[in-house]
Amino acid sequence: MKPFEKYLWNILALIFLSCQGKVNYETSRNELADVTLSNYEFIDIAGARHLLNDVKAKYKLLIFYDPEGKQSQQQIAEMQKNTRLANLMEKEGLRVIAICPVGDLNHWNTYKNTIPAQWINAFDIKGEAAIREFISIETFPTMLLISENNELLKRGIDFQSLLLVLDK
């Protein structure tokens, strides 16, 4: 099937079948994520630009947060105190990347010291709305678990569920 025909088929399937819950787009969304997430660019607190693909780790936990948001602040504080998370980072090769996708660089600079030093503290320098749309950031914080090959493993997972997944 040609790409255009596949696109039309997906649109028609969405229109006719999505209300009945018979269409599952998870596979195509994950395929899109693999390409998109590898090329996701951010800036760190030192001002260096990085691609997500440059971060080498068995697992990468992306946490998209709003530095002024109460829920984001509470979640980051809970994660910072959690010894299981610290052990996963030390022994299991987990890297936590806290990404601020809101505001501008000057705004982020006023809050950047609130992120633990062991994490990668990042700002969404390009404001990649397409990425955020795919990731489905509707509330903050939003967490994604990614493999070392930048494959999306879990999306929108809460912290306690994340720990259960990584403990297995």
Protein backbone atom coordinates (compact mmCIF):
# COMPACT_ATOMS: atom_id res chain seq x y z
CA MET A 1 0.00 0.00 0.00
CA LYS A 2 1.37 3.42 -0.95
CA PRO A 3 1.94 5.93 1.86
CA PHE A 4 -0.87 8.19 0.64
CA GLU A 5 -3.30 5.26 0.46
CA LYS A 6 -2.26 4.18 3.95
CA TYR A 7 -2.85 7.72 5.19
CA LEU A 8 -6.33 7.82 3.64
CA TRP A 9 -7.13 4.39 5.02
CA ASN A 10 -6.12 5.51 8.52
CA ILE A 11 -8.28 8.64 8.24
CA LEU A 12 -11.28 6.59 7.11
CA ALA A 13 -10.70 4.01 9.81
CA LEU A 14 -10.51 6.77 12.38
CA ILE A 15 -13.77 8.28 11.22
CA PHE A 16 -15.74 5.04 10.95
CA LEU A 17 -14.28 2.83 13.65
CA SER A 18 -12.75 4.93 16.41
CA CYS A 19 -16.06 5.54 18.13
CA GLN A 20 -16.47 1.79 18.39
CA GLY A 21 -13.01 1.29 19.88
CA LYS A 22 -11.85 -1.04 17.11
CA VAL A 23 -8.81 0.89 15.89
CA ASN A 24 -5.47 0.80 17.67
CA TYR A 25 -2.86 3.31 16.51
CA GLU A 26 -0.29 2.48 19.21
CA THR A 27 2.11 0.74 16.83
CA SER A 28 2.25 3.55 14.30
CA ARG A 29 2.58 6.11 17.10
CA ASN A 30 5.50 4.14 18.59
CA GLU A 31 7.19 3.95 15.19
CA LEU A 32 6.84 7.71 14.88
CA ALA A 33 8.23 8.16 18.40
CA ASP A 34 11.37 6.14 17.64
CA VAL A 35 12.36 8.52 14.86
CA THR A 36 11.15 11.67 16.55
CA LEU A 37 12.52 11.01 20.02
CA SER A 38 16.04 10.22 18.76
CA ASN A 39 16.20 13.64 17.13
CA TYR A 40 14.63 15.55 20.02
CA GLU A 41 16.94 18.44 20.88
CA PHE A 42 17.31 20.17 24.22
CA ILE A 43 19.72 22.49 25.98
CA ASP A 44 21.28 21.68 29.37
CA ILE A 45 22.08 24.03 32.26
CA ALA A 46 25.57 24.66 30.89
CA GLY A 47 24.04 25.90 27.63
CA ALA A 48 25.13 22.89 25.54
CA ARG A 49 22.72 21.48 22.96
CA HIS A 50 22.08 17.74 22.93
CA LEU A 51 20.00 15.24 21.04
CA LEU A 52 18.18 12.62 23.06
CA ASN A 53 20.13 10.08 21.03
CA ASP A 54 23.35 11.46 22.60
CA VAL A 55 22.24 10.40 26.09
CA LYS A 56 23.63 6.93 26.70
CA ALA A 57 21.73 4.86 29.25
CA LYS A 58 19.87 1.57 29.50
CA TYR A 59 16.70 3.50 30.33
CA LYS A 60 15.87 7.18 29.99
CA LEU A 61 13.11 8.75 32.00
CA LEU A 62 11.86 11.98 30.50
CA ILE A 63 9.86 14.14 32.85
CA PHE A 64 8.24 17.16 31.22
CA TYR A 65 7.50 19.67 33.95
CA ASP A 66 6.25 23.18 34.56
CA PRO A 67 8.63 24.84 37.04
CA GLU A 68 5.82 26.94 38.50
CA GLY A 69 3.34 24.07 38.66
CA LYS A 70 2.56 22.73 42.13
CA GLN A 71 2.14 19.14 40.87
CA SER A 72 5.48 19.30 39.05
CA GLN A 73 7.21 20.63 42.13
CA GLN A 74 5.68 17.93 44.33
CA GLN A 75 6.56 15.14 41.88
CA ILE A 76 10.17 16.27 41.53
CA ALA A 77 10.53 16.54 45.32
CA GLU A 78 9.10 13.01 45.77
CA MET A 79 11.42 11.60 43.12
CA GLN A 80 14.43 13.39 44.58
CA LYS A 81 13.87 11.77 47.99
CA ASN A 82 13.17 8.29 46.65
CA THR A 83 15.97 5.81 47.39
CA ARG A 84 14.63 3.23 44.89
CA LEU A 85 14.99 5.78 42.10
CA ALA A 86 18.52 6.63 43.28
CA ASN A 87 19.42 2.91 43.23
CA LEU A 88 17.97 2.49 39.74
CA MET A 89 20.04 5.42 38.55
CA GLU A 90 23.20 4.07 40.15
CA LYS A 91 22.90 0.34 39.44
CA GLU A 92 20.45 -0.12 36.57
CA GLY A 93 21.60 2.58 34.18
CA LEU A 94 18.58 4.87 34.45
CA ARG A 95 19.06 8.52 33.42
CA VAL A 96 16.47 11.08 34.41
CA ILE A 97 16.05 14.00 32.03
CA ALA A 98 13.87 16.79 33.39
CA ILE A 99 12.65 18.92 30.48
CA CYS A 100 10.97 22.29 30.86
CA PRO A 101 8.84 22.83 27.73
CA VAL A 102 7.15 26.04 28.91
CA GLY A 103 8.20 29.66 29.02
CA ASP A 104 11.44 30.97 27.60
CA LEU A 105 15.09 30.41 28.41
CA ASN A 106 15.28 33.35 30.84
CA HIS A 107 12.22 32.06 32.69
CA TRP A 108 13.77 28.57 32.93
CA ASN A 109 17.04 30.03 34.21
CA THR A 110 15.27 31.30 37.31
CA TYR A 111 14.09 27.75 38.16
CA LYS A 112 16.85 25.54 36.80
CA ASN A 113 18.48 24.98 40.20
CA THR A 114 15.36 23.22 41.52
CA ILE A 115 16.24 20.04 39.58
CA PRO A 116 18.55 17.50 41.31
CA ALA A 117 22.18 17.66 40.18
CA GLN A 118 22.20 13.91 39.31
CA TRP A 119 19.55 14.48 36.65
CA ILE A 120 19.99 16.06 33.25
CA ASN A 121 18.29 19.43 33.57
CA ALA A 122 17.00 20.45 30.17
CA PHE A 123 15.01 23.10 28.35
CA ASP A 124 13.03 22.51 25.16
CA ILE A 125 15.07 25.05 23.20
CA LYS A 126 13.22 24.57 19.91
CA GLY A 127 9.75 24.44 21.42
CA GLU A 128 9.05 21.35 19.38
CA ALA A 129 5.27 21.41 19.46
CA ALA A 130 5.04 18.36 17.20
CA ILE A 131 6.95 16.30 19.74
CA ARG A 132 4.80 17.50 22.57
CA GLU A 133 1.67 16.72 20.57
CA PHE A 134 2.90 13.17 19.99
CA ILE A 135 3.92 12.77 23.61
CA SER A 136 0.47 14.03 24.56
CA ILE A 137 1.47 16.53 27.19
CA GLU A 138 -1.85 17.57 28.60
CA THR A 139 -0.80 18.05 32.21
CA PHE A 140 2.43 18.53 34.06
CA PRO A 141 4.37 16.56 34.97
CA THR A 142 4.27 14.03 32.12
CA MET A 143 6.69 11.08 32.22
CA LEU A 144 8.00 8.87 29.42
CA LEU A 145 10.17 5.79 29.81
CA ILE A 146 12.49 5.22 26.87
CA SER A 147 14.91 2.41 26.07
CA GLU A 148 18.57 2.88 25.24
CA ASN A 149 17.56 2.73 21.55
CA ASN A 150 15.04 5.54 22.10
CA GLU A 151 12.08 3.23 21.82
CA LEU A 152 9.07 4.47 23.74
CA LEU A 153 8.36 1.93 26.49
CA LYS A 154 5.77 3.77 28.59
CA ARG A 155 3.95 7.05 28.12
CA GLY A 156 2.16 9.10 30.75
CA ILE A 157 3.17 6.72 33.51
CA ASP A 158 2.91 7.77 37.15
CA PHE A 159 5.97 7.55 39.37
CA GLN A 160 4.94 4.53 41.46
CA SER A 161 4.01 2.53 38.34
CA LEU A 162 7.33 3.49 36.81
CA LEU A 163 9.20 2.05 39.78
CA LEU A 164 7.24 -1.20 39.45
CA VAL A 165 8.10 -1.45 35.74
CA LEU A 166 11.81 -0.82 36.35
CA ASP A 167 11.99 -3.23 39.30
CA LYS A 168 11.00 -6.14 37.07
